[in-house]
Protein backbone atom coordinates (compact mmCIF):
# COMPACT_ATOMS: atom_id res chain seq x y z
CA MET A 1 36.19 47.76 -80.01
CA PRO A 2 33.06 46.41 -81.01
CA THR A 3 31.80 43.16 -79.01
CA SER A 4 31.25 40.28 -81.59
CA PRO A 5 27.94 38.59 -81.61
CA LYS A 6 29.03 35.11 -80.43
CA ARG A 7 30.85 37.05 -77.44
CA ALA A 8 27.79 38.79 -76.78
CA LEU A 9 26.09 35.75 -76.68
CA ASN A 10 28.29 33.81 -74.18
CA ARG A 11 28.39 36.81 -71.94
CA ALA A 12 24.58 36.58 -71.64
CA ALA A 13 24.48 33.26 -70.93
CA THR A 14 26.82 33.26 -68.19
CA SER A 15 25.37 35.94 -66.79
CA ARG A 16 22.14 34.25 -66.42
CA LEU A 17 23.98 31.04 -65.13
CA LEU A 18 25.79 32.38 -62.77
CA PRO A 19 22.96 33.07 -60.18
CA ALA A 20 21.74 29.71 -60.74
CA LEU A 21 24.66 28.28 -59.80
CA ALA A 22 25.15 29.86 -57.11
CA ALA A 23 21.83 28.92 -55.57
CA VAL A 24 22.67 25.23 -56.36
CA VAL A 25 25.73 25.66 -53.96
CA ALA A 26 24.22 27.56 -51.23
CA LEU A 27 21.48 24.55 -51.51
CA GLY A 28 24.22 22.06 -51.30
CA LEU A 29 26.02 23.95 -48.21
CA LEU A 30 23.00 24.36 -46.40
CA THR A 31 22.04 20.57 -46.60
CA GLY A 32 25.18 19.58 -45.62
CA CYS A 33 25.35 21.96 -42.39
CA ALA A 34 21.76 20.99 -41.26
CA GLU A 35 22.45 17.06 -41.57
CA ALA A 36 25.66 17.40 -39.48
CA ALA A 37 24.28 19.78 -36.83
CA GLU A 38 20.93 17.66 -36.34
CA PRO A 39 22.46 14.67 -34.06
CA THR A 40 24.29 16.71 -32.13
CA VAL A 41 21.20 18.93 -31.11
CA ASP A 42 18.73 16.03 -30.63
CA SER A 43 21.57 14.17 -28.61
CA ALA A 44 22.13 17.27 -26.29
CA ALA A 45 18.08 17.44 -25.50
CA SER A 46 18.16 13.99 -24.67
CA SER A 47 20.21 13.82 -22.24
CA THR A 48 19.27 16.87 -20.34
CA ALA A 49 15.34 16.70 -20.81
CA ASP A 50 12.98 14.80 -18.60
CA PRO A 51 10.48 13.19 -20.79
CA THR A 52 6.88 14.36 -20.07
CA PRO A 53 5.45 12.02 -17.36
CA THR A 54 2.54 9.51 -18.91
CA GLN A 55 -0.38 8.40 -17.29
CA ASP A 56 1.12 5.52 -15.94
CA THR A 57 3.75 7.29 -14.78
CA TRP A 58 1.46 9.49 -12.22
CA GLN A 59 -0.36 6.46 -10.75
CA SER A 60 2.95 4.72 -9.82
CA SER A 61 3.76 7.75 -8.00
CA ASP A 62 0.56 7.92 -6.41
CA GLU A 63 1.26 4.36 -4.88
CA THR A 64 3.71 5.70 -3.05
CA SER A 65 2.63 8.77 -1.75
CA THR A 66 -0.95 9.40 -1.46
CA SER A 67 -1.02 12.56 0.94
CA ALA A 68 -0.08 16.24 0.36
CA PRO A 69 2.96 18.10 1.23
CA THR A 70 4.22 18.50 5.17
CA ASP A 71 1.70 20.90 7.11
CA THR A 72 3.32 21.95 10.12
CA ASN A 73 -0.07 23.00 11.59
CA GLY A 74 -0.21 18.82 11.94
CA GLU A 75 -3.67 19.22 9.98
CA ASP A 76 -2.77 17.68 6.54
CA GLY A 77 0.48 16.42 5.38
CA GLY A 78 2.37 14.18 3.10
CA ASP A 79 3.39 10.60 3.58
CA GLU A 80 7.61 11.46 3.08
CA GLY A 81 8.61 7.63 3.32
CA GLN A 82 10.66 6.23 0.59
CA ALA A 83 8.07 2.77 0.41
CA GLY A 84 10.37 0.27 -1.29
CA ALA A 85 13.86 1.40 0.23
CA ALA A 86 14.28 -0.92 2.84
CA ASN A 87 13.56 -4.44 3.05
CA PRO A 88 10.04 -5.72 3.08
CA GLY A 89 9.12 -6.72 6.60
CA THR A 90 11.29 -4.52 8.32
CA ALA A 91 10.55 -2.06 10.97
CA SER A 92 12.40 0.29 8.35
CA ALA A 93 9.95 -0.58 5.60
CA MET A 94 7.02 0.13 8.23
CA LEU A 95 8.29 2.97 9.24
CA ASP A 96 8.60 4.41 5.40
CA GLU A 97 4.65 3.40 5.16
CA LEU A 98 3.83 6.39 8.09
CA ALA A 99 2.67 9.90 7.43
CA VAL A 100 5.17 12.65 8.63
CA LYS A 101 3.66 15.80 9.50
CA GLY A 102 3.84 19.07 12.00
CA ARG A 103 2.78 18.21 15.40
CA ALA A 104 -0.69 19.12 16.23
CA PRO A 105 -1.67 21.65 19.27
CA LYS A 106 -2.36 19.43 22.53
CA THR A 107 -5.50 21.55 22.83
CA GLY A 108 -8.57 19.48 24.43
CA TYR A 109 -5.84 16.71 25.78
CA ASP A 110 -6.63 14.77 29.36
CA GLY A 111 -5.01 11.64 29.78
CA ASP A 112 -8.38 10.43 30.99
CA LEU A 113 -9.83 10.22 28.16
CA PHE A 114 -8.19 7.01 27.11
CA LYS A 115 -9.59 5.17 29.89
CA TRP A 116 -6.28 3.22 31.23
CA ARG A 117 -6.96 0.67 33.10
CA SER A 118 -10.11 -0.47 31.78
CA ASP A 119 -11.22 -3.89 31.58
CA THR A 120 -10.95 -3.91 27.33
CA ASP A 121 -10.80 -7.69 26.93
CA HIS A 122 -13.06 -8.64 29.47
CA ASN A 123 -11.04 -11.04 31.22
CA GLY A 124 -12.45 -9.86 34.75
CA CYS A 125 -8.98 -8.06 35.42
CA ASP A 126 -7.77 -4.33 34.99
CA THR A 127 -5.12 -3.43 32.50
CA ARG A 128 -1.99 -3.01 35.03
CA ASN A 129 -2.86 -6.23 36.09
CA ASP A 130 -2.83 -7.64 33.17
CA VAL A 131 0.69 -6.00 32.07
CA LEU A 132 2.40 -7.10 35.54
CA ARG A 133 1.22 -10.82 34.92
CA ARG A 134 2.50 -10.53 31.33
CA ASP A 135 5.68 -8.48 32.11
CA LEU A 136 6.69 -10.14 35.57
CA THR A 137 8.26 -13.97 36.34
CA ASP A 138 7.88 -15.57 39.56
CA ILE A 139 4.29 -14.03 40.29
CA THR A 140 2.73 -13.71 43.43
CA LEU A 141 -0.97 -13.12 43.22
CA LYS A 142 -3.29 -11.76 46.05
CA ALA A 143 -6.00 -14.12 46.99
CA GLY A 144 -9.60 -13.79 46.70
CA THR A 145 -9.09 -11.45 43.31
CA ARG A 146 -9.96 -14.07 40.83
CA GLY A 147 -6.25 -14.47 39.85
CA CYS A 148 -6.01 -10.56 39.03
CA VAL A 149 -4.26 -8.64 41.85
CA VAL A 150 0.05 -9.00 41.21
CA LEU A 151 1.35 -8.31 44.79
CA ALA A 152 5.07 -9.32 43.95
CA GLY A 153 7.18 -10.95 41.16
CA THR A 154 10.22 -10.41 39.44
CA LEU A 155 10.93 -7.43 36.72
CA ALA A 156 13.32 -7.48 34.13
CA ASP A 157 13.38 -3.52 32.86
CA PRO A 158 13.88 -3.58 29.41
CA TYR A 159 14.57 0.31 29.40
CA ALA A 160 17.38 0.01 32.27
CA GLY A 161 18.72 -3.74 31.53
CA GLU A 162 18.22 -4.71 35.21
CA THR A 163 16.43 -6.98 37.05
CA TYR A 164 14.69 -6.26 40.17
CA ASP A 165 11.98 -7.30 42.82
CA PHE A 166 8.30 -5.70 42.43
CA ASP A 167 6.31 -5.04 45.39
CA ARG A 168 2.84 -3.71 45.33
CA SER A 169 3.47 -1.72 48.28
CA SER A 170 6.35 0.14 46.43
CA ASN A 171 6.32 2.78 43.46
CA ALA A 172 9.38 1.19 41.83
CA VAL A 173 7.44 0.11 38.71
CA ASP A 174 5.10 1.94 36.29
CA ILE A 175 3.43 0.93 33.21
CA ASP A 176 4.51 2.90 30.44
CA HIS A 177 2.65 3.54 27.32
CA VAL A 178 5.45 3.51 24.70
CA VAL A 179 3.50 5.76 22.68
CA ALA A 180 2.97 8.07 25.22
CA ARG A 181 -1.05 9.37 25.52
CA SER A 182 0.05 12.99 24.61
CA ASN A 183 1.96 12.25 21.85
CA ALA A 184 -0.44 10.26 20.28
CA TRP A 185 -2.94 12.92 20.79
CA GLN A 186 -0.74 15.45 18.73
CA THR A 187 0.07 12.72 16.02
CA GLY A 188 -3.40 11.74 15.14
CA ALA A 189 -5.52 10.27 18.08
CA ALA A 190 -7.10 13.64 18.79
CA LYS A 191 -9.58 12.75 16.28
CA PHE A 192 -10.50 9.20 17.79
CA ASP A 193 -13.79 8.68 19.17
CA GLU A 194 -14.37 7.47 22.74
CA GLU A 195 -14.00 3.72 21.60
CA THR A 196 -10.29 4.04 20.00
CA LEU A 197 -8.88 6.41 22.58
CA LYS A 198 -10.01 3.31 24.95
CA GLU A 199 -8.55 0.71 22.90
CA PHE A 200 -5.14 2.58 22.52
CA GLY A 201 -4.72 3.29 26.05
CA ASN A 202 -5.26 -0.20 26.64
CA ASP A 203 -3.44 -1.93 23.92
CA PRO A 204 -0.93 -4.60 25.11
CA LEU A 205 1.04 -3.53 22.68
CA ASN A 206 1.67 -0.10 23.53
CA LEU A 207 2.24 -1.13 27.62
CA LEU A 208 5.49 -2.62 29.15
CA ALA A 209 6.12 -2.75 33.00
CA VAL A 210 9.19 -0.51 33.68
CA SER A 211 11.03 1.53 36.02
CA SER A 212 8.79 4.13 37.66
CA SER A 213 11.79 6.33 37.34
CA LEU A 214 12.56 5.98 33.51
CA ASN A 215 8.98 6.30 32.88
CA ARG A 216 8.87 9.71 34.36
CA GLN A 217 11.93 10.70 33.14
CA LYS A 218 10.63 9.94 29.41
CA GLY A 219 7.66 11.77 30.22
CA ASP A 220 5.50 12.11 26.75
CA GLY A 221 8.71 12.44 24.51
CA ASP A 222 9.35 10.77 21.19
CA ALA A 223 12.28 9.04 19.80
CA ALA A 224 13.83 12.31 19.11
CA THR A 225 13.69 13.32 22.93
CA TRP A 226 13.99 10.29 24.57
CA LEU A 227 15.67 6.40 24.32
CA PRO A 228 16.16 3.89 27.07
CA PRO A 229 19.22 4.03 28.51
CA HIS A 230 19.39 0.32 27.24
CA ARG A 231 21.02 0.52 24.17
CA SER A 232 20.43 -2.71 23.29
CA TYR A 233 16.89 -2.67 23.44
CA ARG A 234 16.39 0.38 21.54
CA CYS A 235 15.82 -1.31 18.44
CA GLU A 236 12.79 -3.39 19.56
CA TYR A 237 11.79 -0.08 21.19
CA VAL A 238 11.67 2.01 18.41
CA ALA A 239 10.16 -0.98 16.34
CA ARG A 240 7.07 -1.21 18.87
CA GLN A 241 6.40 2.29 18.94
CA ILE A 242 6.63 2.31 14.71
CA ALA A 243 3.87 -0.55 14.75
CA VAL A 244 1.89 1.18 17.29
CA LYS A 245 1.67 4.17 15.10
CA HIS A 246 1.00 2.19 12.14
CA LYS A 247 -1.56 0.38 13.93
CA TYR A 248 -3.89 3.55 14.63
CA GLU A 249 -2.63 5.56 11.42
CA LEU A 250 -0.64 7.97 13.36
CA TRP A 251 2.13 10.11 11.93
CA VAL A 252 5.60 10.82 13.29
CA VAL A 253 6.97 14.64 13.25
CA PRO A 254 10.14 15.11 11.07
CA PRO A 255 12.74 14.92 13.75
CA GLU A 256 11.02 11.93 15.38
CA LYS A 257 11.25 10.02 12.29
CA SER A 258 15.10 10.81 11.68
CA ALA A 259 15.90 9.79 15.11
CA MET A 260 13.71 6.53 14.32
CA GLN A 261 15.73 5.67 11.47
CA ARG A 262 19.11 6.65 12.88
CA VAL A 263 18.53 4.00 15.25
CA LEU A 264 17.21 1.38 12.65
CA ASP A 265 20.31 1.87 10.86
CA THR A 266 21.87 0.78 13.78
CA CYS A 267 20.06 -2.50 13.76
CA ASP A 268 20.47 -5.81 11.46
CA ASP A 269 17.26 -5.24 9.47
CA GLN A 270 15.00 -5.02 12.79
CA PRO A 271 11.94 -7.29 11.80
CA ALA A 272 8.29 -4.82 12.11
CA PHE A 273 6.73 -5.95 15.27
CA THR A 274 4.13 -7.98 14.84
CA ASP A 275 0.77 -7.23 16.80
CA ASP A 276 0.22 -10.75 18.15
CA ALA A 277 -0.30 -9.88 21.91
CA ASP A 278 -2.93 -10.72 24.10
CA TRP A 279 -3.18 -10.53 27.84
CA PRO A 280 -3.16 -13.07 30.30
CA GLY A 281 -5.81 -15.06 31.53
CA PRO A 282 -6.68 -14.46 35.24
CA GLY A 283 -4.14 -16.37 37.22
CA ASP A 284 -2.10 -17.22 34.37
CA GLY A 285 1.86 -15.98 34.59
CA ASP A 286 5.03 -17.19 35.27
CA ASN A 287 5.46 -19.19 38.23
CA VAL A 288 2.45 -18.03 39.83
CA THR A 289 1.79 -18.32 43.89
CA THR A 290 -1.13 -16.92 45.67
CA LYS A 291 -1.45 -15.49 49.34
CA GLU A 292 -2.86 -12.95 51.22
CA GLU A 293 -1.59 -9.32 51.13
CA THR A 294 -0.51 -7.94 54.68
CA ARG A 295 -2.23 -4.68 54.74
CA PRO A 296 -0.59 -1.65 56.27
CA ALA A 297 -2.13 -0.95 59.64
CA LYS A 298 -4.75 1.72 59.36
CA GLN A 299 -4.11 5.53 60.61
CA LYS A 300 -6.28 6.82 63.14
CA SER A 301 -7.66 10.08 62.52
CA SER A 302 -6.56 13.25 64.71
CA SER A 303 -10.34 14.35 63.92
CA SER A 304 -13.52 12.94 66.12
CA GLY A 305 -14.80 10.74 63.52
CA SER A 306 -17.40 13.31 62.38
CA SER A 307 -19.84 12.38 59.66
CA SER A 308 -19.74 16.33 58.80
CA SER A 309 -17.53 16.30 55.79
CA SER A 310 -19.19 15.57 52.58
CA GLY A 311 -16.43 14.69 50.55
CA SER A 312 -17.66 11.95 47.88
CA GLY A 313 -16.64 8.15 48.97
CA SER A 314 -15.29 9.17 52.36
CA SER A 315 -17.75 7.43 54.69
CA SER A 316 -16.60 4.03 52.83
CA SER A 317 -13.28 4.62 53.82
CA GLY A 318 -13.08 5.69 57.47
CA SER A 319 -10.56 7.48 59.03
CA ALA A 320 -8.01 5.25 56.84
CA GLY A 321 -8.92 7.08 53.64
CA GLY A 322 -7.88 10.60 54.76
CA SER A 323 -4.81 11.98 53.80
CA SER A 324 -1.54 11.79 56.30
CA ALA A 325 -0.85 15.63 55.61
CA GLY A 326 -4.96 16.59 56.74
CA SER A 327 -4.24 16.52 60.45
CA SER A 328 -6.61 19.45 61.19
CA SER A 329 -9.74 18.08 62.74
CA SER A 330 -11.85 19.96 59.71
CA GLY A 331 -12.87 17.29 56.53
CA SER A 332 -12.69 20.39 54.09
CA SER A 333 -8.84 20.58 55.42
CA ASP A 334 -8.61 16.95 54.26
CA ALA A 335 -10.01 17.25 50.93
CA SER A 336 -8.09 19.93 50.04
CA THR A 337 -4.69 17.48 50.16
CA VAL A 338 -6.33 15.45 47.60
CA PHE A 339 -5.81 15.06 43.99
CA GLU A 340 -8.72 15.77 41.75
CA ASN A 341 -7.53 13.09 39.42
CA CYS A 342 -5.32 10.36 38.70
CA THR A 343 -3.71 12.63 35.54
CA ALA A 344 -3.05 15.06 38.68
CA ALA A 345 -1.53 12.91 40.61
CA ARG A 346 0.69 11.50 38.10
CA GLU A 347 2.10 15.25 36.85
CA ALA A 348 2.68 15.65 40.12
CA GLY A 349 5.28 12.45 40.24
CA ALA A 350 3.20 11.17 43.02
CA ALA A 351 1.27 7.96 41.36
CA PRO A 352 0.77 5.50 42.65
CA VAL A 353 -0.68 7.13 45.35
CA HIS A 354 -0.93 4.99 48.66
CA ARG A 355 -3.50 5.24 51.52
CA GLY A 356 -2.09 7.56 54.26
CA ASP A 357 0.07 9.54 51.45
CA PRO A 358 -0.59 13.14 50.48
CA GLY A 359 -2.95 13.43 47.98
CA TYR A 360 -4.69 9.76 48.19
CA GLY A 361 -8.25 9.57 48.01
CA SER A 362 -10.72 7.13 47.88
CA HIS A 363 -12.35 8.06 44.83
CA LEU A 364 -9.06 7.63 43.11
CA ASP A 365 -9.02 3.80 44.22
CA ARG A 366 -11.07 1.80 42.15
CA ASP A 367 -10.44 -1.53 43.62
CA GLY A 368 -10.17 -0.43 47.13
CA ASP A 369 -6.89 -1.97 48.26
CA GLY A 370 -5.60 1.30 49.54
CA VAL A 371 -3.28 1.95 46.29
CA ALA A 372 -4.44 4.72 43.86
CA CYS A 373 -3.62 5.83 40.17
CA GLU A 374 -1.71 2.57 39.94
């Protein structure tokens, strides 16, 4: 049946309108979907992605950590402290300021490099006696020594938590470097100049009169390997170690820092140890009296007193200056029993060495009082 002209026109118009209508509908659907999906995408991105740090952010980070990451060789390393985590003015806050690195080699270490016992404050007294006049009570000074040499007193040992009498003729009291010289050497002091080494070795902040047995038990240990048995002193002990390392810009090794923080976590905001210590002047101290020293009787040598020995300084000490182990008449035999230096005596656990003891030599006895390597 032939199609009428009118129906043909309607069909042609419809065929032209259908694609246009389909395009409009599709565009509306796509626009609606996009508007519905966009907030979801943005929300997810903002909750999971970190913003790119601005210049101000990096500068703020640099202020709290200015070093490279930890280096186990101890040459370079990072400041792994968390500055601002602890209350200002506390030992914990000071600990956070210390760099954390690996332990450096002990190569080149010699305790004598620190010139321990030097009169660094030029008060006329050696450092050992300065410590004793500061730390002991009821002090007796040796007459004729310009108020320097301590003969007796009472020590309240902070490491042991006990009080006992000190007598110069005994070996009961040592002077401890709170941060051991060997530890310092391996955490930055190897790069010190001669004067700084000497300052460290004689710094009031780093020295305490303590039990000789505990001092030798400690050795060159840090807080990770040794702490005072007197628990109530540990907070102050660690705070002092931190202050010494902070003063001399030494670093801590990771186990050492962890041990220090564990101790400080038991303290009630332990204050940072302040460097306000000075040595007492000659003659100063607690309840000071003065008397002549009663010296031990000189031992007679079994040798003929021949001057054949060529040992340095032997002529000034006579028969009393030799070692009691030297029963041979040969001067060279005596010399073989003498410590080469005080470092050797300390490493052997023999310091101080008294005149007549094996290992004593006049070259070790700086003040000629019969007690060497004090």
